Amino acid sequence: MIKTISFFFGSGEITSFADNTCHLINTFANCYVIETSDGLILFDIGQELFGPIIFEKLRQITEKPIKYIIYSHGHFDHCFGFQPIMNEIETKGQKKPQIIAHENLIRRFQKYEHLASYHKWLNKQQFASVIGDDYKGPSTQNVLNPTIIVTNNEYTFRLGKDTFHLYHGWGETDDALWLWFPAKKVLLTGDFILSSYPNVGNPFKVQRYPKEWAETLELMLKKKPHFLGPGHGDLITGEDAIHEVLEGTAQALHFVHDEVIKRLNEGKWFEQLYYEMLEIYPEAWKTKDYLQPLYGCYPFAIHAVYRLYHGWYDSGNPTTLFPAKRTEIAQEFLKIAEPQDFISHCRRLYEAGELQLALHIIDPVIEGLTDRSPQLTEAKILKQEILEKKAEETSSFIAANIYRNGIQQLRED
């Protein structure tokens, strides 16, 4: 069993491995340092906020020059922490390192620039409990663009006496690279491995690729690594332990993909498909540390596969094709029953532990009342209590943030 950690709150702890040729610097996302006789390779450089911490820790390890920086993918927590590195290079008059990334990363950076304000808002929603209200978002006008662009599925380079292999795969993103260092049996996965259930169905973000993700993990298995460096979390060591994590995660991804496909072929709409799949999730997987729903989670993954193959009309009920506004629907409900009836019934459901049903029952009051009445205040307070309970009960970082964002919104309205 592999120990899972709270991988969002790394302190910059250094873990050295593979005969002290490789080093893990653990912050919000992992940075890896590979030492060769001719200089350093950095695999990911963290987010802008943690760049100074990573650089300080790097120079505690070695004063060798940086020859290559590799982006595992273009997410903001992996490739925006470059400024302290570049400051040193400029101060010392050193040659700039080569920056290696997949060609799809270029489009990702362009998207971040075009949607800068949107992504700032989006990431504040997803990471609210970590980045706080002062988060400004990555400086999309100031990026460290790649100098070596990988256009094929494999790229090989040498530094010193060592050879390194980069492979492209689709998983959390379409621009992902993973590294194989054969001399030391070191595998650096980026976010193909997260020390959590794969983040394949993020409710805030664009499409992820479960089938291709699983196939990439199976390619990693063939390397028979002795060290696995995940994108987030602790280093995993030992061929047997690594085999379990790679194979088990691949099986979980194949499972969710294939079971959704099966039910689509049976002509089932999302609600039926979703609840059926919640019932068939293998019990044995619930105890696997590397499949715990700490970031990604199985219910999110069901959504991911469904939207990969299906359009937005997902209920089979024509009422939802061109729906009325929620406020208008709520106001009609309040013509049938008094607001207090909904509040009282919601409270009974809440006390019985039926939290999700309670949320559905209280919403018509909050969305239907237009005046600042005592009943509206009571309904908002009650919903906040339910959302806080939901947040306490979930292990999913993303889900907990969504619930607590909802609480904050109710307080501000």
Protein backbone atom coordinates (compact mmCIF):
# COMPACT_ATOMS: atom_id res chain seq x y z
CA MET A 1 0.00 0.00 0.00
CA ILE A 2 1.40 3.41 -0.99
CA LYS A 3 1.15 6.23 1.53
CA THR A 4 -0.90 9.16 0.25
CA ILE A 5 -0.09 12.65 1.53
CA SER A 6 -1.79 16.02 1.48
CA PHE A 7 0.01 16.97 -1.70
CA PHE A 8 -1.14 20.58 -1.97
CA PHE A 9 0.86 21.83 0.98
CA GLY A 10 4.45 20.79 0.30
CA SER A 11 7.00 22.81 2.26
CA GLY A 12 9.87 22.49 -0.18
CA GLU A 13 11.18 19.31 1.42
CA ILE A 14 13.99 17.70 -0.59
CA THR A 15 14.07 13.97 -1.28
CA SER A 16 17.21 12.64 -2.99
CA PHE A 17 17.17 9.29 -4.78
CA ALA A 18 18.74 7.17 -7.53
CA ASP A 19 22.26 7.35 -6.08
CA ASN A 20 21.71 11.05 -5.28
CA THR A 21 21.53 11.92 -8.97
CA CYS A 22 17.86 12.91 -8.71
CA HIS A 23 16.08 15.17 -6.26
CA LEU A 24 12.43 15.88 -5.58
CA ILE A 25 11.50 19.37 -4.38
CA ASN A 26 7.99 19.12 -2.99
CA THR A 27 5.82 22.27 -3.16
CA PHE A 28 2.34 22.81 -4.60
CA ALA A 29 3.49 20.67 -7.53
CA ASN A 30 6.68 18.62 -7.62
CA CYS A 31 9.90 19.83 -9.20
CA TYR A 32 12.59 17.27 -10.07
CA VAL A 33 16.30 17.98 -10.37
CA ILE A 34 18.54 15.56 -12.28
CA GLU A 35 22.29 16.03 -11.89
CA THR A 36 24.70 15.06 -14.65
CA SER A 37 28.40 15.70 -15.11
CA ASP A 38 27.57 18.54 -17.53
CA GLY A 39 24.77 20.26 -15.63
CA LEU A 40 21.17 20.01 -14.47
CA ILE A 41 17.83 18.99 -15.89
CA LEU A 42 14.71 20.38 -14.22
CA PHE A 43 11.50 18.49 -14.78
CA ASP A 44 8.79 21.06 -13.96
CA ILE A 45 9.49 24.29 -12.10
CA GLY A 46 6.31 24.86 -10.08
CA GLN A 47 3.94 27.78 -10.13
CA GLU A 48 4.90 31.43 -9.98
CA LEU A 49 4.14 31.70 -6.26
CA PHE A 50 6.51 28.85 -5.37
CA GLY A 51 9.31 29.73 -7.79
CA PRO A 52 11.48 31.40 -5.10
CA ILE A 53 11.12 28.42 -2.73
CA ILE A 54 12.04 25.96 -5.48
CA PHE A 55 15.07 28.02 -6.49
CA GLU A 56 16.28 28.32 -2.89
CA LYS A 57 16.00 24.55 -2.41
CA LEU A 58 17.63 23.88 -5.77
CA ARG A 59 20.72 25.85 -4.74
CA GLN A 60 20.87 23.94 -1.46
CA ILE A 61 21.33 20.81 -3.58
CA THR A 62 23.84 21.97 -6.18
CA GLU A 63 25.40 25.02 -7.82
CA LYS A 64 25.64 23.35 -11.24
CA PRO A 65 24.20 25.28 -14.21
CA ILE A 66 20.75 24.43 -15.53
CA LYS A 67 20.95 23.03 -19.05
CA TYR A 68 17.38 21.83 -19.65
CA ILE A 69 13.94 22.66 -18.28
CA ILE A 70 11.18 20.23 -19.22
CA TYR A 71 7.49 21.04 -18.92
CA SER A 72 5.45 17.93 -18.12
CA HIS A 73 2.45 19.96 -19.33
CA GLY A 74 1.29 23.56 -19.42
CA HIS A 75 -0.79 23.88 -16.24
CA PHE A 76 0.04 26.93 -14.14
CA ASP A 77 1.34 24.92 -11.17
CA HIS A 78 4.07 23.24 -13.24
CA CYS A 79 5.76 25.77 -15.51
CA PHE A 80 5.47 29.37 -14.27
CA GLY A 81 8.08 29.36 -11.48
CA PHE A 82 10.96 30.36 -13.74
CA GLN A 83 11.72 33.96 -12.72
CA PRO A 84 14.32 33.31 -9.98
CA ILE A 85 16.10 30.86 -12.29
CA MET A 86 16.24 33.38 -15.11
CA ASN A 87 17.34 36.14 -12.72
CA GLU A 88 20.37 34.08 -11.72
CA ILE A 89 21.25 33.29 -15.33
CA GLU A 90 21.10 36.98 -16.25
CA THR A 91 23.12 38.04 -13.19
CA LYS A 92 25.86 35.49 -13.86
CA GLY A 93 25.83 35.95 -17.61
CA GLN A 94 25.15 32.27 -18.16
CA LYS A 95 23.74 30.63 -21.25
CA LYS A 96 19.98 30.15 -21.06
CA PRO A 97 18.77 26.58 -20.73
CA GLN A 98 16.86 24.74 -23.42
CA ILE A 99 13.13 24.59 -22.64
CA ILE A 100 11.46 21.39 -23.84
CA ALA A 101 7.70 21.05 -24.25
CA HIS A 102 5.15 19.41 -26.51
CA GLU A 103 3.77 21.42 -29.41
CA ASN A 104 0.29 21.47 -27.90
CA LEU A 105 1.65 23.52 -24.99
CA ILE A 106 2.05 26.48 -27.34
CA ARG A 107 -1.69 26.52 -27.94
CA ARG A 108 -2.30 26.17 -24.22
CA PHE A 109 -0.20 29.25 -23.46
CA GLN A 110 -2.07 31.15 -26.17
CA LYS A 111 -5.37 30.09 -24.62
CA TYR A 112 -4.22 31.28 -21.20
CA GLU A 113 -3.38 34.68 -22.68
CA HIS A 114 -6.74 35.00 -24.46
CA LEU A 115 -8.68 33.87 -21.37
CA ALA A 116 -6.47 35.32 -18.64
CA SER A 117 -9.24 36.85 -16.53
CA TYR A 118 -11.44 33.80 -16.94
CA HIS A 119 -8.69 31.40 -15.82
CA LYS A 120 -7.88 33.63 -12.86
CA TRP A 121 -11.52 33.38 -11.77
CA LEU A 122 -11.67 29.65 -12.56
CA ASN A 123 -8.59 28.76 -10.55
CA LYS A 124 -9.80 30.80 -7.60
CA GLN A 125 -12.91 28.61 -7.61
CA GLN A 126 -10.97 25.36 -7.79
CA PHE A 127 -8.14 26.25 -5.40
CA ALA A 128 -9.93 28.67 -3.08
CA SER A 129 -8.71 27.04 0.14
CA VAL A 130 -5.07 27.14 -1.03
CA ILE A 131 -4.47 30.31 -3.03
CA GLY A 132 -6.79 32.69 -1.17
CA ASP A 133 -8.34 35.99 -2.19
CA ASP A 134 -5.00 37.61 -3.09
CA TYR A 135 -4.33 35.22 -5.98
CA LYS A 136 -3.53 37.19 -9.14
CA GLY A 137 -3.18 34.25 -11.51
CA PRO A 138 -0.10 33.34 -13.56
CA SER A 139 1.53 36.18 -15.47
CA THR A 140 0.42 35.04 -18.91
CA GLN A 141 2.15 37.99 -20.54
CA ASN A 142 5.46 36.74 -19.12
CA VAL A 143 6.00 33.09 -19.99
CA LEU A 144 9.11 31.05 -20.62
CA ASN A 145 8.40 29.65 -24.05
CA PRO A 146 9.89 26.35 -25.22
CA THR A 147 12.99 26.34 -27.38
CA ILE A 148 12.72 22.64 -28.24
CA ILE A 149 9.22 21.69 -29.36
CA VAL A 150 8.35 18.00 -29.35
CA THR A 151 6.20 17.17 -32.37
CA ASN A 152 6.40 13.37 -32.28
CA ASN A 153 5.52 10.83 -29.62
CA GLU A 154 9.15 10.49 -28.49
CA TYR A 155 12.13 12.78 -28.06
CA THR A 156 15.59 11.64 -26.92
CA PHE A 157 18.50 13.80 -25.78
CA ARG A 158 21.83 13.40 -23.97
CA LEU A 159 23.46 15.41 -21.23
CA GLY A 160 26.86 14.37 -19.92
CA LYS A 161 27.11 10.60 -20.15
CA ASP A 162 23.37 10.02 -19.77
CA THR A 163 20.50 9.56 -22.20
CA PHE A 164 16.95 10.72 -21.46
CA HIS A 165 13.72 9.81 -23.21
CA LEU A 166 10.60 11.94 -23.31
CA TYR A 167 7.26 10.52 -24.39
CA HIS A 168 4.04 12.32 -25.28
CA GLY A 169 0.69 11.12 -23.99
CA TRP A 170 -2.87 12.31 -23.53
CA GLY A 171 -4.24 12.29 -19.99
CA GLU A 172 -5.07 15.28 -17.84
CA THR A 173 -3.99 17.36 -20.84
CA ASP A 174 -3.17 16.85 -24.52
CA ASP A 175 0.34 18.36 -24.16
CA ALA A 176 1.75 15.96 -21.55
CA LEU A 177 5.32 14.65 -21.53
CA TRP A 178 6.80 12.01 -19.23
CA LEU A 179 10.47 11.25 -18.74
CA TRP A 180 12.37 7.96 -18.60
CA PHE A 181 15.95 7.96 -17.28
CA PRO A 182 17.03 4.39 -18.08
CA ALA A 183 20.45 4.44 -16.41
CA LYS A 184 18.82 4.96 -13.01
CA LYS A 185 15.40 3.38 -13.73
CA VAL A 186 13.74 6.72 -12.93
CA LEU A 187 10.25 7.53 -14.25
CA LEU A 188 8.89 11.08 -13.92
CA THR A 189 5.19 11.06 -14.74
CA GLY A 190 3.94 14.62 -14.37
CA ASP A 191 0.24 14.54 -13.60
CA PHE A 192 -0.33 11.10 -15.07
CA ILE A 193 0.14 10.12 -11.40
CA LEU A 194 -1.20 12.44 -8.70
CA SER A 195 -1.15 10.39 -5.47
CA SER A 196 -4.94 10.44 -5.80
CA TYR A 197 -7.66 9.14 -8.09
CA PRO A 198 -6.78 10.62 -11.51
CA ASN A 199 -8.04 14.15 -12.10
CA VAL A 200 -9.88 13.03 -15.21
CA GLY A 201 -13.25 14.69 -14.69
CA ASN A 202 -12.49 18.11 -13.27
CA PRO A 203 -15.85 19.95 -13.16
CA PHE A 204 -14.19 23.29 -13.95
CA LYS A 205 -11.87 22.32 -16.77
CA VAL A 206 -11.86 21.17 -20.37
CA GLN A 207 -11.98 17.58 -21.56
CA ARG A 208 -9.54 14.99 -20.21
CA TYR A 209 -8.75 11.64 -21.83
CA PRO A 210 -9.29 8.52 -19.68
CA LYS A 211 -8.62 5.81 -22.27
CA GLU A 212 -5.40 7.38 -23.56
CA TRP A 213 -4.38 8.08 -19.96
CA ALA A 214 -4.68 4.39 -19.10
CA GLU A 215 -2.74 3.37 -22.20
CA THR A 216 0.08 5.76 -21.28
CA LEU A 217 0.34 4.22 -17.82
CA GLU A 218 0.60 0.81 -19.44
CA LEU A 219 3.51 2.06 -21.56
CA MET A 220 5.20 3.28 -18.37
CA LEU A 221 4.76 -0.18 -16.85
CA LYS A 222 6.88 -1.71 -19.59
CA LYS A 223 9.87 0.34 -18.45
CA LYS A 224 9.90 -1.48 -15.07
CA PRO A 225 10.99 1.61 -13.12
CA HIS A 226 12.55 1.51 -9.65
CA PHE A 227 11.63 5.13 -8.85
CA LEU A 228 8.40 6.93 -9.78
CA GLY A 229 8.13 10.69 -9.34
CA PRO A 230 4.49 11.81 -9.49
CA GLY A 231 3.30 15.29 -10.40
CA HIS A 232 2.02 15.72 -6.83
CA GLY A 233 2.87 13.73 -3.73
CA ASP A 234 5.60 11.46 -2.43
CA LEU A 235 8.23 9.62 -4.41
CA ILE A 236 7.28 5.96 -4.94
CA THR A 237 10.10 3.42 -4.81
CA GLY A 238 10.41 -0.28 -5.54
CA GLU A 239 9.39 -2.10 -8.69
CA ASP A 240 6.48 -3.95 -7.05
CA ALA A 241 4.96 -0.84 -5.45
CA ILE A 242 5.31 1.15 -8.66
CA HIS A 243 3.79 -1.69 -10.68
CA GLU A 244 0.77 -1.70 -8.38
CA VAL A 245 0.21 2.05 -8.71
CA LEU A 246 0.58 2.14 -12.50
CA GLU A 247 -1.42 -1.01 -13.18
CA GLY A 248 -4.12 -0.22 -10.62
CA THR A 249 -4.61 3.34 -11.87
CA ALA A 250 -4.74 2.13 -15.48
CA GLN A 251 -7.35 -0.48 -14.55
CA ALA A 252 -9.47 2.14 -12.78
CA LEU A 253 -9.39 4.38 -15.85
CA HIS A 254 -10.21 1.53 -18.23
CA PHE A 255 -13.07 0.54 -15.93
CA VAL A 256 -14.79 3.91 -15.86
CA HIS A 257 -14.29 4.39 -19.59
CA ASP A 258 -15.55 0.97 -20.64
CA GLU A 259 -18.53 0.90 -18.27
CA VAL A 260 -19.77 4.28 -19.54
CA ILE A 261 -19.37 3.07 -23.13
CA LYS A 262 -21.32 -0.08 -22.31
CA ARG A 263 -24.25 1.93 -20.98
CA LEU A 264 -24.18 4.42 -23.84
CA ASN A 265 -24.52 1.47 -26.19
CA GLU A 266 -27.50 0.33 -24.13
CA GLY A 267 -29.20 3.68 -24.80
CA LYS A 268 -29.11 4.96 -21.22
CA TRP A 269 -29.27 8.62 -20.28
CA PHE A 270 -26.81 10.12 -17.87
CA GLU A 271 -28.77 9.86 -14.62
CA GLN A 272 -29.42 6.13 -15.00
CA LEU A 273 -25.89 5.49 -16.18
CA TYR A 274 -24.37 7.53 -13.35
CA TYR A 275 -26.22 5.87 -10.48
CA GLU A 276 -25.69 2.42 -11.90
CA MET A 277 -21.97 3.06 -12.05
CA LEU A 278 -21.82 4.32 -8.48
CA GLU A 279 -23.18 0.93 -7.43
CA ILE A 280 -20.64 -1.17 -9.33
CA TYR A 281 -17.40 0.54 -8.29
CA PRO A 282 -15.17 -2.29 -6.98
CA GLU A 283 -14.96 -2.38 -3.19
CA ALA A 284 -11.28 -3.34 -3.30
CA TRP A 285 -10.36 -0.05 -4.95
CA LYS A 286 -11.87 1.99 -2.13
CA THR A 287 -8.99 0.99 0.14
CA LYS A 288 -6.19 1.76 -2.33
CA ASP A 289 -4.32 4.86 -1.19
CA TYR A 290 -3.46 5.88 -4.75
CA LEU A 291 -7.15 5.79 -5.77
CA GLN A 292 -8.49 7.85 -2.89
CA PRO A 293 -10.76 10.71 -4.05
CA LEU A 294 -8.51 13.44 -2.71
CA TYR A 295 -8.36 15.47 -5.91
CA GLY A 296 -9.86 13.60 -8.82
CA CYS A 297 -12.64 11.16 -7.97
CA TYR A 298 -14.67 8.38 -9.57
CA PRO A 299 -17.97 10.32 -9.88
CA PHE A 300 -16.13 13.13 -11.71
CA ALA A 301 -14.58 10.54 -14.02
CA ILE A 302 -18.03 9.25 -15.02
CA HIS A 303 -18.91 12.76 -16.15
CA ALA A 304 -15.64 13.00 -18.09
CA VAL A 305 -16.23 9.88 -20.15
CA TYR A 306 -19.86 10.75 -20.79
CA ARG A 307 -19.12 14.22 -22.12
CA LEU A 308 -16.31 12.82 -24.26
CA TYR A 309 -18.91 10.93 -26.30
CA HIS A 310 -22.19 12.76 -25.66
CA GLY A 311 -23.71 16.19 -26.19
CA TRP A 312 -25.15 18.55 -23.61
CA TYR A 313 -28.72 17.21 -23.85
CA ASP A 314 -28.23 14.50 -21.27
CA SER A 315 -31.53 13.88 -19.49
CA GLY A 316 -33.83 12.46 -22.16
CA ASN A 317 -36.51 14.82 -20.81
CA PRO A 318 -37.61 17.41 -23.42
CA THR A 319 -38.41 19.83 -20.57
CA THR A 320 -34.68 20.43 -20.21
CA LEU A 321 -34.07 21.20 -23.88
CA PHE A 322 -34.91 24.91 -23.59
CA PRO A 323 -35.37 25.36 -19.83
CA ALA A 324 -36.98 28.33 -18.13
CA LYS A 325 -34.89 30.40 -15.74
CA ARG A 326 -34.40 28.78 -12.35
CA THR A 327 -35.76 31.88 -10.62
CA GLU A 328 -38.98 31.69 -12.65
CA ILE A 329 -39.41 28.00 -11.87
CA ALA A 330 -38.77 28.65 -8.18
CA GLN A 331 -41.33 31.46 -8.08
CA GLU A 332 -43.95 29.10 -9.50
CA PHE A 333 -43.15 26.51 -6.83
CA LEU A 334 -43.66 29.18 -4.17
CA LYS A 335 -47.16 29.82 -5.55
CA ILE A 336 -48.00 26.17 -4.78
CA ALA A 337 -46.53 26.02 -1.27
CA GLU A 338 -45.38 28.57 1.27
CA PRO A 339 -41.65 29.24 1.67
CA GLN A 340 -41.83 27.99 5.24
CA ASP A 341 -43.11 24.64 3.99
CA PHE A 342 -39.94 24.20 1.93
CA ILE A 343 -37.74 25.38 4.81
CA SER A 344 -39.35 22.99 7.29
CA HIS A 345 -39.14 20.04 4.94
CA CYS A 346 -35.53 20.88 4.12
CA ARG A 347 -34.67 20.94 7.81
CA ARG A 348 -36.27 17.51 8.32
CA LEU A 349 -34.22 16.10 5.45
CA TYR A 350 -31.06 17.73 6.83
CA GLU A 351 -31.63 16.26 10.28
CA ALA A 352 -32.23 12.83 8.67
CA GLY A 353 -28.89 13.06 6.89
CA GLU A 354 -30.41 13.49 3.41
CA LEU A 355 -28.14 16.39 2.59
CA GLN A 356 -28.39 16.36 -1.19
CA LEU A 357 -32.18 16.18 -1.20
CA ALA A 358 -32.25 18.97 1.39
CA LEU A 359 -30.26 21.22 -0.95
CA HIS A 360 -32.72 20.64 -3.77
CA ILE A 361 -35.66 21.48 -1.52
CA ILE A 362 -34.21 24.72 -0.13
CA ASP A 363 -33.19 26.18 -3.49
CA PRO A 364 -36.70 27.29 -4.57
CA VAL A 365 -36.87 29.54 -1.51
CA ILE A 366 -33.48 31.13 -2.14
CA GLU A 367 -34.01 31.51 -5.88
CA GLY A 368 -37.71 32.39 -5.74
CA LEU A 369 -37.90 35.06 -3.04
CA THR A 370 -37.04 38.49 -4.35
CA ASP A 371 -37.41 40.48 -1.12
CA ARG A 372 -35.04 40.51 1.86
CA SER A 373 -37.47 38.59 4.03
CA PRO A 374 -36.67 36.73 7.26
CA GLN A 375 -37.54 33.51 5.42
CA LEU A 376 -34.90 34.18 2.78
CA THR A 377 -32.32 34.80 5.51
CA GLU A 378 -33.36 31.59 7.28
CA ALA A 379 -33.11 29.60 4.05
CA LYS A 380 -29.63 30.95 3.28
CA ILE A 381 -28.36 30.14 6.75
CA LEU A 382 -29.81 26.65 6.52
CA LYS A 383 -28.21 26.03 3.14
CA GLN A 384 -24.86 27.23 4.47
CA GLU A 385 -25.11 24.66 7.28
CA ILE A 386 -25.85 21.90 4.80
CA LEU A 387 -23.01 22.90 2.48
CA GLU A 388 -20.57 23.00 5.39
CA LYS A 389 -21.65 19.50 6.37
CA LYS A 390 -21.18 18.34 2.78
CA ALA A 391 -17.71 19.91 2.70
CA GLU A 392 -16.75 18.17 5.94
CA GLU A 393 -17.92 14.79 4.66
CA THR A 394 -16.20 14.84 1.27
CA SER A 395 -12.57 13.88 0.79
CA SER A 396 -12.45 15.57 -2.63
CA PHE A 397 -10.44 18.80 -2.51
CA ILE A 398 -12.31 20.19 -5.53
CA ALA A 399 -15.77 19.27 -4.24
CA ALA A 400 -15.03 20.77 -0.82
CA ASN A 401 -13.95 24.02 -2.47
CA ILE A 402 -17.17 24.12 -4.50
CA TYR A 403 -19.27 23.69 -1.37
CA ARG A 404 -17.35 26.37 0.52
CA ASN A 405 -17.45 28.75 -2.44
CA GLY A 406 -21.22 28.30 -2.31
CA ILE A 407 -21.22 29.25 1.37
CA GLN A 408 -19.22 32.39 0.65
CA GLN A 409 -21.55 33.36 -2.17
CA LEU A 410 -24.61 33.01 0.11
CA ARG A 411 -22.93 35.27 2.66
CA GLU A 412 -22.16 37.90 0.05
CA ASP A 413 -25.57 37.95 -1.69
